[in-house]
Amino acid sequence: MNLKDYKKEYPDAKKIVMSMTSETISKHNFYKQNELREYLQDIFPGSSILYCNCSGYEITAIFSEDAYEEEKRQLSMIPGTKVIMTGAEGNFPEYKNKEWEVYAGPQWMCGELVVWLTGFSGSYSCKYLRVVSPSIKQQ
């Protein structure tokens, strides 16, 4: 994805290209996405890193403050959290209003945060889950 694509969902998204010194490159393994993300997160606190890449001595990153709140919501889906599928990802009538329990995750997979749900086969994107508040009753 490029900046234009990210701006569709997060209008405040910004792109930056940084040149790194050989000293910085030798101190960090920027070719591992997790290490690069952690490094960039310290530079842009309060923002989510939507995209990052290291090529030679150059780091390219796209980040957004708006995405940060959504990322915090998704990261709150720890084991034991009750969730409901929103239906935005597809039409699954058998899952409508069904309450699921997170048993593992969240973790990054293919650029998205995912969790594993008790009784569901495979992982599920946090983007399409809504956390059930104690006041919401299952219908």
N, C-alpha and C. Protein backbone atom coordinates (compact mmCIF):
# COMPACT_ATOMS: atom_id res chain seq x y z
N MET A 1 0.84 -1.19 0.00
CA MET A 1 0.00 0.00 0.00
C MET A 1 0.88 1.25 0.00
N ASN A 2 0.35 2.31 -0.55
CA ASN A 2 1.09 3.55 -0.55
C ASN A 2 0.35 4.59 0.31
N LEU A 3 0.92 5.77 0.42
CA LEU A 3 0.36 6.81 1.28
C LEU A 3 -1.08 7.13 0.89
N LYS A 4 -1.35 7.21 -0.40
CA LYS A 4 -2.71 7.53 -0.87
C LYS A 4 -3.73 6.51 -0.37
N ASP A 5 -3.35 5.24 -0.39
CA ASP A 5 -4.24 4.17 0.09
C ASP A 5 -4.49 4.31 1.60
N TYR A 6 -3.44 4.58 2.36
CA TYR A 6 -3.59 4.73 3.81
C TYR A 6 -4.43 5.96 4.16
N LYS A 7 -4.33 7.02 3.37
CA LYS A 7 -5.09 8.24 3.64
C LYS A 7 -6.59 8.04 3.49
N LYS A 8 -7.01 7.03 2.74
CA LYS A 8 -8.44 6.73 2.60
C LYS A 8 -9.03 6.36 3.95
N GLU A 9 -8.28 5.59 4.73
CA GLU A 9 -8.75 5.17 6.05
C GLU A 9 -8.31 6.12 7.15
N TYR A 10 -7.12 6.68 7.02
CA TYR A 10 -6.57 7.59 8.04
C TYR A 10 -6.09 8.87 7.33
N PRO A 11 -6.97 9.87 7.22
CA PRO A 11 -6.62 11.10 6.48
C PRO A 11 -5.38 11.82 7.01
N ASP A 12 -5.02 11.60 8.26
CA ASP A 12 -3.85 12.29 8.82
C ASP A 12 -2.54 11.54 8.56
N ALA A 13 -2.57 10.44 7.82
CA ALA A 13 -1.36 9.64 7.57
C ALA A 13 -0.28 10.48 6.90
N LYS A 14 0.95 10.26 7.35
CA LYS A 14 2.11 10.98 6.82
C LYS A 14 3.21 9.98 6.46
N LYS A 15 4.00 10.36 5.47
CA LYS A 15 5.12 9.51 5.04
C LYS A 15 6.42 10.26 5.32
N ILE A 16 7.40 9.53 5.77
CA ILE A 16 8.71 10.11 6.02
C ILE A 16 9.77 9.14 5.51
N VAL A 17 10.84 9.70 4.94
CA VAL A 17 11.99 8.91 4.51
C VAL A 17 13.18 9.45 5.29
N MET A 18 13.85 8.56 6.02
CA MET A 18 14.97 8.96 6.87
C MET A 18 16.24 8.26 6.42
N SER A 19 17.32 9.00 6.41
CA SER A 19 18.63 8.41 6.15
C SER A 19 19.27 8.10 7.50
N MET A 20 19.79 6.90 7.62
CA MET A 20 20.39 6.46 8.87
C MET A 20 21.91 6.42 8.74
N THR A 21 22.58 6.63 9.85
CA THR A 21 24.04 6.52 9.86
C THR A 21 24.44 5.05 9.94
N SER A 22 25.64 4.75 9.55
CA SER A 22 26.11 3.36 9.62
C SER A 22 26.15 2.90 11.08
N GLU A 23 26.41 3.83 12.00
CA GLU A 23 26.42 3.49 13.44
C GLU A 23 25.04 3.03 13.90
N THR A 24 24.01 3.75 13.49
CA THR A 24 22.63 3.39 13.87
C THR A 24 22.25 2.05 13.24
N ILE A 25 22.58 1.88 11.99
CA ILE A 25 22.26 0.63 11.28
C ILE A 25 22.95 -0.56 11.97
N SER A 26 24.19 -0.37 12.39
CA SER A 26 24.91 -1.49 13.03
C SER A 26 24.39 -1.79 14.43
N LYS A 27 23.78 -0.81 15.10
CA LYS A 27 23.23 -1.02 16.44
C LYS A 27 21.89 -1.75 16.42
N HIS A 28 21.14 -1.62 15.34
CA HIS A 28 19.78 -2.19 15.25
C HIS A 28 19.68 -3.10 14.04
N ASN A 29 18.82 -4.09 14.14
CA ASN A 29 18.56 -4.95 13.00
C ASN A 29 17.24 -4.49 12.36
N PHE A 30 17.32 -3.46 11.52
CA PHE A 30 16.12 -2.87 10.92
C PHE A 30 15.48 -3.75 9.86
N TYR A 31 16.14 -4.85 9.52
CA TYR A 31 15.55 -5.75 8.53
C TYR A 31 14.53 -6.69 9.18
N LYS A 32 14.45 -6.66 10.51
CA LYS A 32 13.39 -7.36 11.23
C LYS A 32 12.30 -6.33 11.49
N GLN A 33 11.11 -6.60 10.99
CA GLN A 33 10.01 -5.64 11.09
C GLN A 33 9.72 -5.22 12.53
N ASN A 34 9.76 -6.16 13.47
CA ASN A 34 9.46 -5.81 14.86
C ASN A 34 10.46 -4.80 15.42
N GLU A 35 11.74 -5.00 15.13
CA GLU A 35 12.75 -4.08 15.64
C GLU A 35 12.63 -2.70 14.98
N LEU A 36 12.33 -2.68 13.70
CA LEU A 36 12.15 -1.41 13.00
C LEU A 36 10.93 -0.67 13.55
N ARG A 37 9.83 -1.40 13.76
CA ARG A 37 8.61 -0.79 14.33
C ARG A 37 8.88 -0.20 15.71
N GLU A 38 9.57 -0.96 16.55
CA GLU A 38 9.88 -0.47 17.90
C GLU A 38 10.72 0.80 17.84
N TYR A 39 11.69 0.83 16.97
CA TYR A 39 12.55 2.00 16.82
C TYR A 39 11.71 3.21 16.39
N LEU A 40 10.85 3.01 15.39
CA LEU A 40 10.02 4.10 14.88
C LEU A 40 8.97 4.55 15.90
N GLN A 41 8.45 3.61 16.69
CA GLN A 41 7.45 3.95 17.69
C GLN A 41 8.02 4.92 18.72
N ASP A 42 9.31 4.78 19.05
CA ASP A 42 9.96 5.72 19.96
C ASP A 42 10.08 7.11 19.34
N ILE A 43 10.24 7.18 18.03
CA ILE A 43 10.37 8.46 17.33
C ILE A 43 9.01 9.13 17.18
N PHE A 44 7.96 8.34 16.99
CA PHE A 44 6.60 8.87 16.76
C PHE A 44 5.64 8.36 17.84
N PRO A 45 5.84 8.75 19.11
CA PRO A 45 4.91 8.28 20.15
C PRO A 45 3.52 8.86 19.90
N GLY A 46 2.50 8.09 20.20
CA GLY A 46 1.13 8.55 19.98
C GLY A 46 0.68 8.37 18.54
N SER A 47 1.49 7.70 17.74
CA SER A 47 1.14 7.39 16.36
C SER A 47 1.30 5.90 16.14
N SER A 48 0.54 5.39 15.20
CA SER A 48 0.71 4.00 14.78
C SER A 48 1.58 3.97 13.53
N ILE A 49 2.47 3.02 13.47
CA ILE A 49 3.30 2.83 12.29
C ILE A 49 2.50 1.94 11.34
N LEU A 50 2.00 2.50 10.26
CA LEU A 50 1.18 1.75 9.32
C LEU A 50 2.02 0.95 8.33
N TYR A 51 3.19 1.49 8.02
CA TYR A 51 4.10 0.84 7.07
C TYR A 51 5.52 1.24 7.42
N CYS A 52 6.44 0.31 7.29
CA CYS A 52 7.86 0.65 7.47
C CYS A 52 8.71 -0.32 6.68
N ASN A 53 9.82 0.23 6.18
CA ASN A 53 10.73 -0.58 5.38
C ASN A 53 12.13 0.01 5.48
N CYS A 54 13.12 -0.85 5.50
CA CYS A 54 14.51 -0.41 5.51
C CYS A 54 15.19 -0.95 4.27
N SER A 55 15.82 -0.04 3.53
CA SER A 55 16.56 -0.43 2.33
C SER A 55 17.89 0.31 2.37
N GLY A 56 18.95 -0.44 2.56
CA GLY A 56 20.27 0.19 2.70
C GLY A 56 20.31 1.06 3.93
N TYR A 57 20.61 2.33 3.75
CA TYR A 57 20.68 3.27 4.87
C TYR A 57 19.41 4.13 4.96
N GLU A 58 18.36 3.73 4.24
CA GLU A 58 17.15 4.54 4.17
C GLU A 58 15.96 3.80 4.78
N ILE A 59 15.24 4.51 5.65
CA ILE A 59 14.01 3.96 6.25
C ILE A 59 12.84 4.77 5.73
N THR A 60 11.83 4.08 5.25
CA THR A 60 10.59 4.71 4.83
C THR A 60 9.50 4.28 5.80
N ALA A 61 8.72 5.24 6.27
CA ALA A 61 7.64 4.93 7.21
C ALA A 61 6.41 5.75 6.89
N ILE A 62 5.25 5.15 7.12
CA ILE A 62 3.97 5.85 7.05
C ILE A 62 3.34 5.67 8.43
N PHE A 63 2.91 6.79 9.03
CA PHE A 63 2.37 6.74 10.38
C PHE A 63 1.14 7.62 10.50
N SER A 64 0.33 7.37 11.55
CA SER A 64 -0.91 8.11 11.75
C SER A 64 -1.27 8.16 13.22
N GLU A 65 -1.65 9.35 13.68
CA GLU A 65 -2.15 9.49 15.05
C GLU A 65 -3.55 8.93 15.17
N ASP A 66 -4.38 9.11 14.12
CA ASP A 66 -5.75 8.59 14.14
C ASP A 66 -5.76 7.06 14.29
N ALA A 67 -4.81 6.40 13.65
CA ALA A 67 -4.75 4.95 13.70
C ALA A 67 -4.33 4.45 15.08
N TYR A 68 -3.71 5.31 15.87
CA TYR A 68 -3.21 4.91 17.19
C TYR A 68 -4.34 4.46 18.10
N GLU A 69 -5.45 5.20 18.13
CA GLU A 69 -6.60 4.82 18.97
C GLU A 69 -7.18 3.49 18.55
N GLU A 70 -7.27 3.26 17.24
CA GLU A 70 -7.78 1.98 16.75
C GLU A 70 -6.83 0.85 17.11
N GLU A 71 -5.54 1.09 17.03
CA GLU A 71 -4.57 0.06 17.40
C GLU A 71 -4.68 -0.27 18.88
N LYS A 72 -4.86 0.75 19.72
CA LYS A 72 -5.02 0.50 21.17
C LYS A 72 -6.27 -0.35 21.41
N ARG A 73 -7.36 -0.07 20.68
CA ARG A 73 -8.59 -0.86 20.82
C ARG A 73 -8.32 -2.32 20.46
N GLN A 74 -7.61 -2.53 19.35
CA GLN A 74 -7.33 -3.88 18.91
C GLN A 74 -6.38 -4.60 19.87
N LEU A 75 -5.40 -3.88 20.40
CA LEU A 75 -4.46 -4.49 21.34
C LEU A 75 -5.11 -4.83 22.68
N SER A 76 -6.28 -4.26 22.96
CA SER A 76 -6.98 -4.57 24.21
C SER A 76 -7.65 -5.94 24.18
N MET A 77 -7.67 -6.58 23.02
CA MET A 77 -8.33 -7.88 22.86
C MET A 77 -7.40 -9.00 23.31
N ILE A 78 -7.18 -9.06 24.61
CA ILE A 78 -6.30 -10.06 25.20
C ILE A 78 -7.11 -11.31 25.54
N PRO A 79 -6.44 -12.43 25.83
CA PRO A 79 -7.18 -13.64 26.19
C PRO A 79 -8.20 -13.37 27.31
N GLY A 80 -9.41 -13.90 27.10
CA GLY A 80 -10.50 -13.70 28.05
C GLY A 80 -11.48 -12.62 27.63
N THR A 81 -11.09 -11.76 26.69
CA THR A 81 -11.96 -10.69 26.19
C THR A 81 -13.10 -11.29 25.39
N LYS A 82 -14.31 -10.80 25.62
CA LYS A 82 -15.49 -11.22 24.86
C LYS A 82 -15.67 -10.27 23.69
N VAL A 83 -15.89 -10.83 22.49
CA VAL A 83 -16.02 -10.03 21.28
C VAL A 83 -17.18 -10.54 20.43
N ILE A 84 -17.61 -9.68 19.51
CA ILE A 84 -18.64 -10.04 18.52
C ILE A 84 -18.10 -9.63 17.16
N MET A 85 -18.29 -10.48 16.15
CA MET A 85 -17.89 -10.16 14.78
C MET A 85 -18.82 -9.07 14.26
N THR A 86 -18.26 -8.06 13.59
CA THR A 86 -19.08 -6.92 13.14
C THR A 86 -19.88 -7.22 11.89
N GLY A 87 -19.46 -8.19 11.10
CA GLY A 87 -20.15 -8.49 9.85
C GLY A 87 -19.63 -7.65 8.69
N ALA A 88 -18.69 -6.74 8.96
CA ALA A 88 -18.15 -5.88 7.90
C ALA A 88 -17.28 -6.66 6.92
N GLU A 89 -16.74 -7.80 7.34
CA GLU A 89 -15.84 -8.57 6.51
C GLU A 89 -16.55 -9.56 5.60
N GLY A 90 -17.81 -9.81 5.86
CA GLY A 90 -18.56 -10.76 5.05
C GLY A 90 -19.90 -11.05 5.71
N ASN A 91 -20.74 -11.80 5.03
CA ASN A 91 -22.07 -12.12 5.55
C ASN A 91 -22.07 -13.55 6.09
N PHE A 92 -22.01 -13.65 7.41
CA PHE A 92 -22.02 -14.95 8.08
C PHE A 92 -23.20 -14.99 9.04
N PRO A 93 -24.41 -15.32 8.56
CA PRO A 93 -25.60 -15.29 9.42
C PRO A 93 -25.48 -16.16 10.67
N GLU A 94 -24.74 -17.28 10.56
CA GLU A 94 -24.61 -18.18 11.71
C GLU A 94 -23.78 -17.56 12.84
N TYR A 95 -23.02 -16.51 12.53
CA TYR A 95 -22.20 -15.84 13.56
C TYR A 95 -22.80 -14.52 14.03
N LYS A 96 -23.94 -14.12 13.47
CA LYS A 96 -24.56 -12.84 13.83
C LYS A 96 -24.86 -12.80 15.32
N ASN A 97 -24.32 -11.78 15.97
CA ASN A 97 -24.51 -11.54 17.41
C ASN A 97 -23.96 -12.65 18.30
N LYS A 98 -23.18 -13.55 17.76
CA LYS A 98 -22.58 -14.60 18.58
C LYS A 98 -21.39 -14.02 19.34
N GLU A 99 -21.36 -14.30 20.62
CA GLU A 99 -20.26 -13.83 21.46
C GLU A 99 -19.14 -14.87 21.44
N TRP A 100 -17.91 -14.39 21.19
CA TRP A 100 -16.74 -15.24 21.15
C TRP A 100 -15.80 -14.82 22.27
N GLU A 101 -14.94 -15.73 22.68
CA GLU A 101 -13.92 -15.40 23.67
C GLU A 101 -12.54 -15.53 23.03
N VAL A 102 -11.74 -14.51 23.21
CA VAL A 102 -10.36 -14.52 22.71
C VAL A 102 -9.56 -15.49 23.57
N TYR A 103 -8.85 -16.43 22.94
CA TYR A 103 -8.00 -17.33 23.73
C TYR A 103 -6.51 -17.13 23.45
N ALA A 104 -6.16 -16.40 22.38
CA ALA A 104 -4.75 -16.11 22.11
C ALA A 104 -4.64 -14.85 21.27
N GLY A 105 -3.53 -14.16 21.44
CA GLY A 105 -3.28 -12.94 20.67
C GLY A 105 -3.45 -11.73 21.57
N PRO A 106 -3.44 -10.56 21.02
CA PRO A 106 -3.29 -10.26 19.60
C PRO A 106 -1.84 -10.33 19.16
N GLN A 107 -1.67 -10.55 17.86
CA GLN A 107 -0.34 -10.54 17.28
C GLN A 107 -0.45 -10.08 15.83
N TRP A 108 0.67 -9.60 15.30
CA TRP A 108 0.72 -9.15 13.91
C TRP A 108 0.79 -10.35 12.98
N MET A 109 -0.06 -10.34 11.95
CA MET A 109 -0.02 -11.37 10.92
C MET A 109 -0.41 -10.70 9.60
N CYS A 110 0.47 -10.76 8.64
CA CYS A 110 0.21 -10.18 7.32
C CYS A 110 -0.22 -8.70 7.41
N GLY A 111 0.40 -7.96 8.31
CA GLY A 111 0.13 -6.53 8.41
C GLY A 111 -1.10 -6.16 9.21
N GLU A 112 -1.75 -7.12 9.85
CA GLU A 112 -2.94 -6.85 10.66
C GLU A 112 -2.78 -7.49 12.03
N LEU A 113 -3.47 -6.92 13.01
CA LEU A 113 -3.53 -7.56 14.32
C LEU A 113 -4.63 -8.60 14.27
N VAL A 114 -4.31 -9.80 14.72
CA VAL A 114 -5.28 -10.90 14.73
C VAL A 114 -5.33 -11.54 16.12
N VAL A 115 -6.44 -12.22 16.38
CA VAL A 115 -6.60 -13.00 17.61
C VAL A 115 -7.17 -14.37 17.22
N TRP A 116 -7.10 -15.29 18.16
CA TRP A 116 -7.72 -16.60 17.98
C TRP A 116 -8.91 -16.66 18.92
N LEU A 117 -10.03 -17.16 18.40
CA LEU A 117 -11.28 -17.21 19.15
C LEU A 117 -11.63 -18.65 19.49
N THR A 118 -12.09 -18.87 20.71
CA THR A 118 -12.51 -20.20 21.13
C THR A 118 -13.64 -20.68 20.23
N GLY A 119 -13.47 -21.85 19.61
CA GLY A 119 -14.50 -22.43 18.77
C GLY A 119 -14.47 -21.97 17.32
N PHE A 120 -13.52 -21.11 16.97
CA PHE A 120 -13.40 -20.64 15.59
C PHE A 120 -12.08 -21.17 15.03
N SER A 121 -12.11 -21.66 13.81
CA SER A 121 -10.92 -22.24 13.20
C SER A 121 -10.06 -21.14 12.58
N GLY A 122 -8.84 -21.00 13.04
CA GLY A 122 -7.92 -20.02 12.49
C GLY A 122 -7.96 -18.69 13.24
N SER A 123 -7.15 -17.76 12.76
CA SER A 123 -7.11 -16.45 13.40
C SER A 123 -8.19 -15.55 12.79
N TYR A 124 -8.43 -14.42 13.45
CA TYR A 124 -9.47 -13.49 13.00
C TYR A 124 -8.97 -12.07 13.18
N SER A 125 -9.17 -11.23 12.19
CA SER A 125 -8.70 -9.85 12.24
C SER A 125 -9.42 -9.05 13.32
N CYS A 126 -8.63 -8.38 14.16
CA CYS A 126 -9.20 -7.54 15.23
C CYS A 126 -10.01 -6.38 14.65
N LYS A 127 -9.67 -6.00 13.44
CA LYS A 127 -10.35 -4.88 12.77
C LYS A 127 -11.86 -5.13 12.68
N TYR A 128 -12.25 -6.39 12.54
CA TYR A 128 -13.65 -6.75 12.34
C TYR A 128 -14.30 -7.32 13.59
N LEU A 129 -13.75 -7.00 14.76
CA LEU A 129 -14.32 -7.44 16.02
C LEU A 129 -14.70 -6.24 16.88
N ARG A 130 -15.77 -6.39 17.62
CA ARG A 130 -16.20 -5.37 18.57
C ARG A 130 -16.14 -5.98 19.96
N VAL A 131 -15.50 -5.28 20.89
CA VAL A 131 -15.43 -5.76 22.27
C VAL A 131 -16.80 -5.61 22.90
N VAL A 132 -17.23 -6.67 23.58
CA VAL A 132 -18.53 -6.67 24.24
C VAL A 132 -18.37 -6.01 25.60
N SER A 133 -19.12 -4.94 25.82
CA SER A 133 -19.06 -4.29 27.14
C SER A 133 -20.00 -5.06 28.06
N PRO A 134 -19.77 -4.99 29.36
CA PRO A 134 -20.60 -5.76 30.29
C PRO A 134 -22.11 -5.46 30.19
N SER A 135 -22.48 -4.27 29.69
CA SER A 135 -23.89 -3.90 29.63
C SER A 135 -24.59 -4.45 28.40
N ILE A 136 -23.82 -4.98 27.42
CA ILE A 136 -24.43 -5.53 26.20
C ILE A 136 -24.79 -6.99 26.43
N LYS A 137 -26.03 -7.32 26.17
CA LYS A 137 -26.50 -8.71 26.31
C LYS A 137 -26.49 -9.38 24.94
N GLN A 138 -26.15 -10.66 24.91
CA GLN A 138 -26.18 -11.40 23.66
C GLN A 138 -27.63 -11.61 23.24
N GLN A 139 -27.93 -11.37 21.96
CA GLN A 139 -29.30 -11.50 21.46
C GLN A 139 -29.55 -12.89 20.93
